[in-house]
Amino acid sequence: MSRGRFGFLVVVTLLGSTTGRALSGWWLAPSAVKAQKIDGVNAEEFLLLDTSGQARAGLGLDKNGEVSLVLMSRDGNRKLTLAPDNRFAVELSDQNGHILWSAP
């Protein structure tokens, strides 16, 4: 291959790759998410997991649309529930579900 043809091939390759990158960036650019506000996050449940993957806290809605915040102790023996729509707004229970303390 002559030196002139090699130079021409390099220039054409450079121009083609630059044009292709520009067009693919425009054509394949990700679009903004339409289901959420730009400055917010929408979900029915948020979970806080520890390093072993166990849920330690959760904020969410139940099947009736009532909100609650649940906090678990490190050993999993106690659970603190804050649920303003329940009979008791605050409950502290053991791992078997027995209520140790509650407040209206």
PDB file of N, CA and C in Angstrom:
ATOM      1  N   MET A   1       0.855  -1.158   0.000  1.00  0.00           N
ATOM      2  CA  MET A   1       0.000   0.000   0.000  1.00  0.00           C
ATOM      3  C   MET A   1       0.906   1.226   0.000  1.00  0.00           C
ATOM      4  N   SER A   2       0.585   2.145  -0.852  1.00  0.00           N
ATOM      5  CA  SER A   2       1.421   3.340  -0.969  1.00  0.00           C
ATOM      6  C   SER A   2       1.175   4.284   0.206  1.00  0.00           C
ATOM      7  N   ARG A   3       2.086   5.179   0.406  1.00  0.00           N
ATOM      8  CA  ARG A   3       2.014   6.124   1.513  1.00  0.00           C
ATOM      9  C   ARG A   3       0.788   7.033   1.374  1.00  0.00           C
ATOM     10  N   GLY A   4       0.445   7.433   0.171  1.00  0.00           N
ATOM     11  CA  GLY A   4      -0.711   8.295  -0.073  1.00  0.00           C
ATOM     12  C   GLY A   4      -2.020   7.597   0.265  1.00  0.00           C
ATOM     13  N   ARG A   5      -2.137   6.319  -0.147  1.00  0.00           N
ATOM     14  CA  ARG A   5      -3.360   5.568   0.146  1.00  0.00           C
ATOM     15  C   ARG A   5      -3.487   5.310   1.648  1.00  0.00           C
ATOM     16  N   PHE A   6      -2.388   5.039   2.319  1.00  0.00           N
ATOM     17  CA  PHE A   6      -2.420   4.815   3.761  1.00  0.00           C
ATOM     18  C   PHE A   6      -2.875   6.085   4.481  1.00  0.00           C
ATOM     19  N   GLY A   7      -2.367   7.231   4.092  1.00  0.00           N
ATOM     20  CA  GLY A   7      -2.777   8.508   4.690  1.00  0.00           C
ATOM     21  C   GLY A   7      -4.249   8.783   4.453  1.00  0.00           C
ATOM     22  N   PHE A   8      -4.710   8.505   3.218  1.00  0.00           N
ATOM     23  CA  PHE A   8      -6.128   8.681   2.891  1.00  0.00           C
ATOM     24  C   PHE A   8      -6.991   7.766   3.759  1.00  0.00           C
ATOM     25  N   LEU A   9      -6.570   6.516   3.958  1.00  0.00           N
ATOM     26  CA  LEU A   9      -7.302   5.549   4.777  1.00  0.00           C
ATOM     27  C   LEU A   9      -7.368   6.017   6.234  1.00  0.00           C
ATOM     28  N   VAL A  10      -6.305   6.564   6.757  1.00  0.00           N
ATOM     29  CA  VAL A  10      -6.280   7.065   8.130  1.00  0.00           C
ATOM     30  C   VAL A  10      -7.247   8.237   8.285  1.00  0.00           C
ATOM     31  N   VAL A  11      -7.239   9.172   7.331  1.00  0.00           N
ATOM     32  CA  VAL A  11      -8.122  10.345   7.392  1.00  0.00           C
ATOM     33  C   VAL A  11      -9.578   9.914   7.295  1.00  0.00           C
ATOM     34  N   VAL A  12      -9.908   9.019   6.367  1.00  0.00           N
ATOM     35  CA  VAL A  12     -11.288   8.550   6.215  1.00  0.00           C
ATOM     36  C   VAL A  12     -11.739   7.806   7.467  1.00  0.00           C
ATOM     37  N   THR A  13     -10.880   6.988   8.052  1.00  0.00           N
ATOM     38  CA  THR A  13     -11.229   6.264   9.282  1.00  0.00           C
ATOM     39  C   THR A  13     -11.475   7.233  10.430  1.00  0.00           C
ATOM     40  N   LEU A  14     -10.636   8.241  10.575  1.00  0.00           N
ATOM     41  CA  LEU A  14     -10.793   9.239  11.630  1.00  0.00           C
ATOM     42  C   LEU A  14     -12.102  10.007  11.473  1.00  0.00           C
ATOM     43  N   LEU A  15     -12.386  10.476  10.257  1.00  0.00           N
ATOM     44  CA  LEU A  15     -13.621  11.211  10.012  1.00  0.00           C
ATOM     45  C   LEU A  15     -14.855  10.330  10.212  1.00  0.00           C
ATOM     46  N   GLY A  16     -14.774   9.090   9.751  1.00  0.00           N
ATOM     47  CA  GLY A  16     -15.909   8.168   9.896  1.00  0.00           C
ATOM     48  C   GLY A  16     -16.193   7.830  11.353  1.00  0.00           C
ATOM     49  N   SER A  17     -15.152   7.598  12.115  1.00  0.00           N
ATOM     50  CA  SER A  17     -15.367   7.265  13.529  1.00  0.00           C
ATOM     51  C   SER A  17     -15.887   8.472  14.308  1.00  0.00           C
ATOM     52  N   THR A  18     -15.401   9.655  13.999  1.00  0.00           N
ATOM     53  CA  THR A  18     -15.873  10.863  14.675  1.00  0.00           C
ATOM     54  C   THR A  18     -17.335  11.127  14.340  1.00  0.00           C
ATOM     55  N   THR A  19     -17.691  11.001  13.079  1.00  0.00           N
ATOM     56  CA  THR A  19     -19.078  11.191  12.660  1.00  0.00           C
ATOM     57  C   THR A  19     -19.981  10.121  13.260  1.00  0.00           C
ATOM     58  N   GLY A  20     -19.537   8.887  13.266  1.00  0.00           N
ATOM     59  CA  GLY A  20     -20.324   7.792  13.841  1.00  0.00           C
ATOM     60  C   GLY A  20     -20.550   7.961  15.328  1.00  0.00           C
ATOM     61  N   ARG A  21     -19.518   8.399  16.036  1.00  0.00           N
ATOM     62  CA  ARG A  21     -19.673   8.629  17.472  1.00  0.00           C
ATOM     63  C   ARG A  21     -20.651   9.755  17.741  1.00  0.00           C
ATOM     64  N   ALA A  22     -20.581  10.829  16.982  1.00  0.00           N
ATOM     65  CA  ALA A  22     -21.491  11.957  17.175  1.00  0.00           C
ATOM     66  C   ALA A  22     -22.935  11.539  16.897  1.00  0.00           C
ATOM     67  N   LEU A  23     -23.152  10.807  15.827  1.00  0.00           N
ATOM     68  CA  LEU A  23     -24.513  10.379  15.483  1.00  0.00           C
ATOM     69  C   LEU A  23     -25.048   9.358  16.480  1.00  0.00           C
ATOM     70  N   SER A  24     -24.215   8.419  16.912  1.00  0.00           N
ATOM     71  CA  SER A  24     -24.693   7.419  17.865  1.00  0.00           C
ATOM     72  C   SER A  24     -24.969   8.052  19.225  1.00  0.00           C
ATOM     73  N   GLY A  25     -24.186   9.054  19.633  1.00  0.00           N
ATOM     74  CA  GLY A  25     -24.451   9.746  20.884  1.00  0.00           C
ATOM     75  C   GLY A  25     -25.767  10.492  20.851  1.00  0.00           C
ATOM     76  N   TRP A  26     -26.099  11.071  19.711  1.00  0.00           N
ATOM     77  CA  TRP A  26     -27.364  11.774  19.574  1.00  0.00           C
ATOM     78  C   TRP A  26     -28.523  10.785  19.479  1.00  0.00           C
ATOM     79  N   TRP A  27     -28.334   9.711  18.713  1.00  0.00           N
ATOM     80  CA  TRP A  27     -29.408   8.760  18.450  1.00  0.00           C
ATOM     81  C   TRP A  27     -29.663   7.845  19.643  1.00  0.00           C
ATOM     82  N   LEU A  28     -28.620   7.423  20.337  1.00  0.00           N
ATOM     83  CA  LEU A  28     -28.757   6.477  21.441  1.00  0.00           C
ATOM     84  C   LEU A  28     -28.698   7.138  22.810  1.00  0.00           C
ATOM     85  N   ALA A  29     -28.807   8.444  22.879  1.00  0.00           N
ATOM     86  CA  ALA A  29     -28.724   9.149  24.166  1.00  0.00           C
ATOM     87  C   ALA A  29     -29.879   8.725  25.059  1.00  0.00           C
ATOM     88  N   PRO A  30     -29.612   8.507  26.357  1.00  0.00           N
ATOM     89  CA  PRO A  30     -30.693   8.112  27.264  1.00  0.00           C
ATOM     90  C   PRO A  30     -31.662   9.269  27.473  1.00  0.00           C
ATOM     91  N   SER A  31     -32.931   8.938  27.594  1.00  0.00           N
ATOM     92  CA  SER A  31     -33.938   9.966  27.820  1.00  0.00           C
ATOM     93  C   SER A  31     -34.197  10.088  29.320  1.00  0.00           C
ATOM     94  N   ALA A  32     -34.721  11.205  29.724  1.00  0.00           N
ATOM     95  CA  ALA A  32     -35.034  11.436  31.133  1.00  0.00           C
ATOM     96  C   ALA A  32     -36.188  10.535  31.550  1.00  0.00           C
ATOM     97  N   VAL A  33     -36.178  10.111  32.802  1.00  0.00           N
ATOM     98  CA  VAL A  33     -37.250   9.281  33.334  1.00  0.00           C
ATOM     99  C   VAL A  33     -38.486  10.142  33.495  1.00  0.00           C
ATOM    100  N   LYS A  34     -39.580   9.695  32.956  1.00  0.00           N
ATOM    101  CA  LYS A  34     -40.808  10.481  32.976  1.00  0.00           C
ATOM    102  C   LYS A  34     -41.680  10.167  34.192  1.00  0.00           C
ATOM    103  N   ALA A  35     -41.499   9.007  34.837  1.00  0.00           N
ATOM    104  CA  ALA A  35     -42.375   8.594  35.925  1.00  0.00           C
ATOM    105  C   ALA A  35     -42.054   9.299  37.242  1.00  0.00           C
ATOM    106  N   GLN A  36     -40.883   9.907  37.358  1.00  0.00           N
ATOM    107  CA  GLN A  36     -40.473  10.536  38.595  1.00  0.00           C
ATOM    108  C   GLN A  36     -40.140  12.004  38.361  1.00  0.00           C
ATOM    109  N   LYS A  37     -40.258  12.770  39.433  1.00  0.00           N
ATOM    110  CA  LYS A  37     -39.799  14.144  39.370  1.00  0.00           C
ATOM    111  C   LYS A  37     -38.276  14.116  39.357  1.00  0.00           C
ATOM    112  N   ILE A  38     -37.673  15.126  38.792  1.00  0.00           N
ATOM    113  CA  ILE A  38     -36.223  15.178  38.695  1.00  0.00           C
ATOM    114  C   ILE A  38     -35.579  15.230  40.073  1.00  0.00           C
ATOM    115  N   ASP A  39     -36.200  15.925  41.030  1.00  0.00           N
ATOM    116  CA  ASP A  39     -35.593  16.073  42.346  1.00  0.00           C
ATOM    117  C   ASP A  39     -36.215  15.165  43.404  1.00  0.00           C
ATOM    118  N   GLY A  40     -36.876  14.073  43.011  1.00  0.00           N
ATOM    119  CA  GLY A  40     -37.511  13.178  43.974  1.00  0.00           C
ATOM    120  C   GLY A  40     -37.426  11.729  43.550  1.00  0.00           C
ATOM    121  N   VAL A  41     -37.748  10.854  44.486  1.00  0.00           N
ATOM    122  CA  VAL A  41     -37.784   9.416  44.228  1.00  0.00           C
ATOM    123  C   VAL A  41     -39.148   8.913  44.662  1.00  0.00           C
ATOM    124  N   ASN A  42     -39.786   8.126  43.828  1.00  0.00           N
ATOM    125  CA  ASN A  42     -41.097   7.580  44.138  1.00  0.00           C
ATOM    126  C   ASN A  42     -40.987   6.070  44.313  1.00  0.00           C
ATOM    127  N   ALA A  43     -41.578   5.554  45.383  1.00  0.00           N
ATOM    128  CA  ALA A  43     -41.581   4.112  45.624  1.00  0.00           C
ATOM    129  C   ALA A  43     -42.671   3.788  46.638  1.00  0.00           C
ATOM    130  N   GLU A  44     -43.059   2.531  46.688  1.00  0.00           N
ATOM    131  CA  GLU A  44     -44.018   2.083  47.695  1.00  0.00           C
ATOM    132  C   GLU A  44     -43.314   1.538  48.922  1.00  0.00           C
ATOM    133  N   GLU A  45     -42.006   1.249  48.811  1.00  0.00           N
ATOM    134  CA  GLU A  45     -41.273   0.693  49.942  1.00  0.00           C
ATOM    135  C   GLU A  45     -39.793   1.030  49.825  1.00  0.00           C
ATOM    136  N   PHE A  46     -39.196   1.371  50.949  1.00  0.00           N
ATOM    137  CA  PHE A  46     -37.756   1.583  51.043  1.00  0.00           C
ATOM    138  C   PHE A  46     -37.223   0.650  52.116  1.00  0.00           C
ATOM    139  N   LEU A  47     -36.147  -0.071  51.828  1.00  0.00           N
ATOM    140  CA  LEU A  47     -35.535  -0.968  52.802  1.00  0.00           C
ATOM    141  C   LEU A  47     -34.104  -0.550  53.057  1.00  0.00           C
ATOM    142  N   LEU A  48     -33.689  -0.636  54.319  1.00  0.00           N
ATOM    143  CA  LEU A  48     -32.313  -0.389  54.710  1.00  0.00           C
ATOM    144  C   LEU A  48     -31.723  -1.743  55.085  1.00  0.00           C
ATOM    145  N   LEU A  49     -30.701  -2.185  54.334  1.00  0.00           N
ATOM    146  CA  LEU A  49     -30.107  -3.497  54.535  1.00  0.00           C
ATOM    147  C   LEU A  49     -28.753  -3.363  55.204  1.00  0.00           C
ATOM    148  N   ASP A  50     -28.404  -4.337  56.072  1.00  0.00           N
ATOM    149  CA  ASP A  50     -27.071  -4.341  56.656  1.00  0.00           C
ATOM    150  C   ASP A  50     -26.108  -5.052  55.713  1.00  0.00           C
ATOM    151  N   THR A  51     -24.864  -5.224  56.136  1.00  0.00           N
ATOM    152  CA  THR A  51     -23.846  -5.802  55.252  1.00  0.00           C
ATOM    153  C   THR A  51     -24.126  -7.253  54.887  1.00  0.00           C
ATOM    154  N   SER A  52     -24.914  -7.954  55.707  1.00  0.00           N
ATOM    155  CA  SER A  52     -25.236  -9.349  55.386  1.00  0.00           C
ATOM    156  C   SER A  52     -26.505  -9.473  54.554  1.00  0.00           C
ATOM    157  N   GLY A  53     -27.134  -8.348  54.218  1.00  0.00           N
ATOM    158  CA  GLY A  53     -28.328  -8.377  53.372  1.00  0.00           C
ATOM    159  C   GLY A  53     -29.629  -8.471  54.133  1.00  0.00           C
ATOM    160  N   GLN A  54     -29.577  -8.420  55.470  1.00  0.00           N
ATOM    161  CA  GLN A  54     -30.790  -8.483  56.280  1.00  0.00           C
ATOM    162  C   GLN A  54     -31.426  -7.095  56.351  1.00  0.00           C
ATOM    163  N   ALA A  55     -32.754  -7.047  56.234  1.00  0.00           N
ATOM    164  CA  ALA A  55     -33.467  -5.778  56.343  1.00  0.00           C
ATOM    165  C   ALA A  55     -33.443  -5.325  57.792  1.00  0.00           C
ATOM    166  N   ARG A  56     -32.952  -4.115  58.028  1.00  0.00           N
ATOM    167  CA  ARG A  56     -32.878  -3.571  59.386  1.00  0.00           C
ATOM    168  C   ARG A  56     -33.905  -2.470  59.592  1.00  0.00           C
ATOM    169  N   ALA A  57     -34.354  -1.848  58.500  1.00  0.00           N
ATOM    170  CA  ALA A  57     -35.372  -0.804  58.606  1.00  0.00           C
ATOM    171  C   ALA A  57     -36.160  -0.775  57.304  1.00  0.00           C
ATOM    172  N   GLY A  58     -37.401  -0.385  57.416  1.00  0.00           N
ATOM    173  CA  GLY A  58     -38.242  -0.293  56.232  1.00  0.00           C
ATOM    174  C   GLY A  58     -39.278   0.796  56.386  1.00  0.00           C
ATOM    175  N   LEU A  59     -39.537   1.478  55.309  1.00  0.00           N
ATOM    176  CA  LEU A  59     -40.566   2.506  55.253  1.00  0.00           C
ATOM    177  C   LEU A  59     -41.437   2.152  54.062  1.00  0.00           C
ATOM    178  N   GLY A  60     -42.734   1.995  54.295  1.00  0.00           N
ATOM    179  CA  GLY A  60     -43.559   1.592  53.169  1.00  0.00           C
ATOM    180  C   GLY A  60     -45.044   1.680  53.436  1.00  0.00           C
ATOM    181  N   LEU A  61     -45.794   1.252  52.434  1.00  0.00           N
ATOM    182  CA  LEU A  61     -47.246   1.212  52.484  1.00  0.00           C
ATOM    183  C   LEU A  61     -47.699  -0.236  52.533  1.00  0.00           C
ATOM    184  N   ASP A  62     -48.725  -0.517  53.337  1.00  0.00           N
ATOM    185  CA  ASP A  62     -49.274  -1.868  53.341  1.00  0.00           C
ATOM    186  C   ASP A  62     -50.358  -1.983  52.271  1.00  0.00           C
ATOM    187  N   LYS A  63     -51.060  -3.123  52.234  1.00  0.00           N
ATOM    188  CA  LYS A  63     -52.053  -3.350  51.184  1.00  0.00           C
ATOM    189  C   LYS A  63     -53.241  -2.397  51.268  1.00  0.00           C
ATOM    190  N   ASN A  64     -53.456  -1.772  52.441  1.00  0.00           N
ATOM    191  CA  ASN A  64     -54.549  -0.809  52.605  1.00  0.00           C
ATOM    192  C   ASN A  64     -54.102   0.625  52.353  1.00  0.00           C
ATOM    193  N   GLY A  65     -52.836   0.808  51.979  1.00  0.00           N
ATOM    194  CA  GLY A  65     -52.311   2.142  51.721  1.00  0.00           C
ATOM    195  C   GLY A  65     -51.893   2.896  52.968  1.00  0.00           C
ATOM    196  N   GLU A  66     -51.747   2.181  54.090  1.00  0.00           N
ATOM    197  CA  GLU A  66     -51.331   2.816  55.340  1.00  0.00           C
ATOM    198  C   GLU A  66     -49.816   2.765  55.450  1.00  0.00           C
ATOM    199  N   VAL A  67     -49.225   3.873  55.895  1.00  0.00           N
ATOM    200  CA  VAL A  67     -47.777   3.994  55.961  1.00  0.00           C
ATOM    201  C   VAL A  67     -47.265   3.490  57.312  1.00  0.00           C
ATOM    202  N   SER A  68     -46.050   2.929  57.310  1.00  0.00           N
ATOM    203  CA  SER A  68     -45.412   2.521  58.558  1.00  0.00           C
ATOM    204  C   SER A  68     -43.905   2.549  58.400  1.00  0.00           C
ATOM    205  N   LEU A  69     -43.236   2.737  59.528  1.00  0.00           N
ATOM    206  CA  LEU A  69     -41.781   2.706  59.613  1.00  0.00           C
ATOM    207  C   LEU A  69     -41.440   1.605  60.598  1.00  0.00           C
ATOM    208  N   VAL A  70     -40.592   0.662  60.177  1.00  0.00           N
ATOM    209  CA  VAL A  70     -40.224  -0.479  61.015  1.00  0.00           C
ATOM    210  C   VAL A  70     -38.718  -0.481  61.188  1.00  0.00           C
ATOM    211  N   LEU A  71     -38.266  -0.577  62.445  1.00  0.00           N
ATOM    212  CA  LEU A  71     -36.846  -0.646  62.773  1.00  0.00           C
ATOM    213  C   LEU A  71     -36.575  -1.950  63.505  1.00  0.00           C
ATOM    214  N   MET A  72     -35.536  -2.678  63.084  1.00  0.00           N
ATOM    215  CA  MET A  72     -35.173  -3.962  63.709  1.00  0.00           C
ATOM    216  C   MET A  72     -33.878  -3.809  64.489  1.00  0.00           C
ATOM    217  N   SER A  73     -33.776  -4.518  65.623  1.00  0.00           N
ATOM    218  CA  SER A  73     -32.529  -4.511  66.375  1.00  0.00           C
ATOM    219  C   SER A  73     -31.478  -5.326  65.614  1.00  0.00           C
ATOM    220  N   ARG A  74     -30.224  -5.131  65.991  1.00  0.00           N
ATOM    221  CA  ARG A  74     -29.123  -5.808  65.307  1.00  0.00           C
ATOM    222  C   ARG A  74     -29.261  -7.327  65.358  1.00  0.00           C
ATOM    223  N   ASP A  75     -29.675  -7.839  66.518  1.00  0.00           N
ATOM    224  CA  ASP A  75     -29.822  -9.294  66.666  1.00  0.00           C
ATOM    225  C   ASP A  75     -31.179  -9.810  66.197  1.00  0.00           C
ATOM    226  N   GLY A  76     -32.069  -8.915  65.792  1.00  0.00           N
ATOM    227  CA  GLY A  76     -33.373  -9.323  65.275  1.00  0.00           C
ATOM    228  C   GLY A  76     -34.374  -9.658  66.352  1.00  0.00           C
ATOM    229  N   ASN A  77     -34.057  -9.381  67.616  1.00  0.00           N
ATOM    230  CA  ASN A  77     -34.950  -9.726  68.721  1.00  0.00           C
ATOM    231  C   ASN A  77     -36.045  -8.694  68.962  1.00  0.00           C
ATOM    232  N   ARG A  78     -35.814  -7.466  68.596  1.00  0.00           N
ATOM    233  CA  ARG A  78     -36.799  -6.417  68.843  1.00  0.00           C
ATOM    234  C   ARG A  78     -37.139  -5.689  67.553  1.00  0.00           C
ATOM    235  N   LYS A  79     -38.386  -5.253  67.497  1.00  0.00           N
ATOM    236  CA  LYS A  79     -38.854  -4.512  66.331  1.00  0.00           C
ATOM    237  C   LYS A  79     -39.662  -3.318  66.828  1.00  0.00           C
ATOM    238  N   LEU A  80     -39.305  -2.129  66.357  1.00  0.00           N
ATOM    239  CA  LEU A  80     -40.030  -0.911  66.691  1.00  0.00           C
ATOM    240  C   LEU A  80     -40.825  -0.503  65.464  1.00  0.00           C
ATOM    241  N   THR A  81     -42.134  -0.357  65.631  1.00  0.00           N
ATOM    242  CA  THR A  81     -43.014  -0.010  64.520  1.00  0.00           C
ATOM    243  C   THR A  81     -43.693   1.314  64.810  1.00  0.00           C
ATOM    244  N   LEU A  82     -43.622   2.219  63.849  1.00  0.00           N
ATOM    245  CA  LEU A  82     -44.336   3.486  63.911  1.00  0.00           C
ATOM    246  C   LEU A  82     -45.368   3.466  62.789  1.00  0.00           C
ATOM    247  N   ALA A  83     -46.629   3.390  63.172  1.00  0.00           N
ATOM    248  CA  ALA A  83     -47.710   3.309  62.184  1.00  0.00           C
ATOM    249  C   ALA A  83     -48.864   4.180  62.659  1.00  0.00           C
ATOM    250  N   PRO A  84     -48.976   5.406  62.173  1.00  0.00           N
ATOM    251  CA  PRO A  84     -49.998   6.329  62.680  1.00  0.00           C
ATOM    252  C   PRO A  84     -51.437   5.897  62.427  1.00  0.00           C
ATOM    253  N   ASP A  85     -51.677   5.008  61.486  1.00  0.00           N
ATOM    254  CA  ASP A  85     -53.046   4.580  61.189  1.00  0.00           C
ATOM    255  C   ASP A  85     -53.475   3.362  61.998  1.00  0.00           C
ATOM    256  N   ASN A  86     -52.553   2.713  62.731  1.00  0.00           N
ATOM    257  CA  ASN A  86     -52.892   1.543  63.544  1.00  0.00           C
ATOM    258  C   ASN A  86     -53.506   1.965  64.875  1.00  0.00           C
ATOM    259  N   ARG A  87     -54.038   0.980  65.606  1.00  0.00           N
ATOM    260  CA  ARG A  87     -54.612   1.239  66.928  1.00  0.00           C
ATOM    261  C   ARG A  87     -53.567   1.836  67.856  1.00  0.00           C
ATOM    262  N   PHE A  88     -52.357   1.249  67.843  1.00  0.00           N
ATOM    263  CA  PHE A  88     -51.229   1.792  68.591  1.00  0.00           C
ATOM    264  C   PHE A  88     -50.249   2.387  67.584  1.00  0.00           C
ATOM    265  N   ALA A  89     -49.957   3.673  67.726  1.00  0.00           N
ATOM    266  CA  ALA A  89     -49.085   4.347  66.764  1.00  0.00           C
ATOM    267  C   ALA A  89     -47.641   3.871  66.888  1.00  0.00           C
ATOM    268  N   VAL A  90     -47.232   3.488  68.120  1.00  0.00           N
ATOM    269  CA  VAL A  90     -45.861   3.028  68.366  1.00  0.00           C
ATOM    270  C   VAL A  90     -45.933   1.685  69.071  1.00  0.00           C
ATOM    271  N   GLU A  91     -45.200   0.692  68.548  1.00  0.00           N
ATOM    272  CA  GLU A  91     -45.155  -0.634  69.174  1.00  0.00           C
ATOM    273  C   GLU A  91     -43.728  -1.147  69.211  1.00  0.00           C
ATOM    274  N   LEU A  92     -43.345  -1.724  70.340  1.00  0.00           N
ATOM    275  CA  LEU A  92     -42.073  -2.417  70.478  1.00  0.00           C
ATOM    276  C   LEU A  92     -42.404  -3.876  70.722  1.00  0.00           C
ATOM    277  N   SER A  93     -41.950  -4.757  69.828  1.00  0.00           N
ATOM    278  CA  SER A  93     -42.294  -6.172  69.954  1.00  0.00           C
ATOM    279  C   SER A  93     -41.042  -7.033  69.876  1.00  0.00           C
ATOM    280  N   ASP A  94     -41.187  -8.293  70.336  1.00  0.00           N
ATOM    281  CA  ASP A  94     -40.059  -9.221  70.262  1.00  0.00           C
ATOM    282  C   ASP A  94     -40.118  -9.995  68.949  1.00  0.00           C
ATOM    283  N   GLN A  95     -39.181 -10.936  68.785  1.00  0.00           N
ATOM    284  CA  GLN A  95     -39.104 -11.665  67.509  1.00  0.00           C
ATOM    285  C   GLN A  95     -40.305 -12.562  67.262  1.00  0.00           C
ATOM    286  N   ASN A  96     -41.075 -12.896  68.303  1.00  0.00           N
ATOM    287  CA  ASN A  96     -42.274 -13.719  68.135  1.00  0.00           C
ATOM    288  C   ASN A  96     -43.522 -12.890  67.879  1.00  0.00           C
ATOM    289  N   GLY A  97     -43.379 -11.566  67.875  1.00  0.00           N
ATOM    290  CA  GLY A  97     -44.512 -10.691  67.622  1.00  0.00           C
ATOM    291  C   GLY A  97     -45.246 -10.255  68.868  1.00  0.00           C
ATOM    292  N   HIS A  98     -44.796 -10.683  70.065  1.00  0.00           N
ATOM    293  CA  HIS A  98     -45.431 -10.256  71.309  1.00  0.00           C
ATOM    294  C   HIS A  98     -45.071  -8.804  71.579  1.00  0.00           C
ATOM    295  N   ILE A  99     -46.085  -8.000  71.860  1.00  0.00           N
ATOM    296  CA  ILE A  99     -45.867  -6.578  72.085  1.00  0.00           C
ATOM    297  C   ILE A  99     -45.293  -6.380  73.487  1.00  0.00           C
ATOM    298  N   LEU A 100     -44.099  -5.771  73.548  1.00  0.00           N
ATOM    299  CA  LEU A 100     -43.439  -5.471  74.818  1.00  0.00           C
ATOM    300  C   LEU A 100     -43.885  -4.132  75.362  1.00  0.00           C
ATOM    301  N   TRP A 101     -44.177  -3.167  74.473  1.00  0.00           N
ATOM    302  CA  TRP A 101     -44.572  -1.827  74.867  1.00  0.00           C
ATOM    303  C   TRP A 101     -45.317  -1.197  73.701  1.00  0.00           C
ATOM    304  N   SER A 102     -46.294  -0.373  74.003  1.00  0.00           N
ATOM    305  CA  SER A 102     -47.011   0.333  72.941  1.00  0.00           C
ATOM    306  C   SER A 102     -47.507   1.666  73.459  1.00  0.00           C
ATOM    307  N   ALA A 103     -47.789   2.567  72.536  1.00  0.00           N
ATOM    308  CA  ALA A 103     -48.334   3.884  72.886  1.00  0.00           C
ATOM    309  C   ALA A 103     -49.354   4.279  71.826  1.00  0.00           C
ATOM    310  N   PRO A 104     -50.454   4.915  72.280  1.00  0.00           N
ATOM    311  CA  PRO A 104     -51.493   5.300  71.332  1.00  0.00           C
ATOM    312  C   PRO A 104     -51.125   6.418  70.407  1.00  0.00           C
TER     313      PRO A 104
END
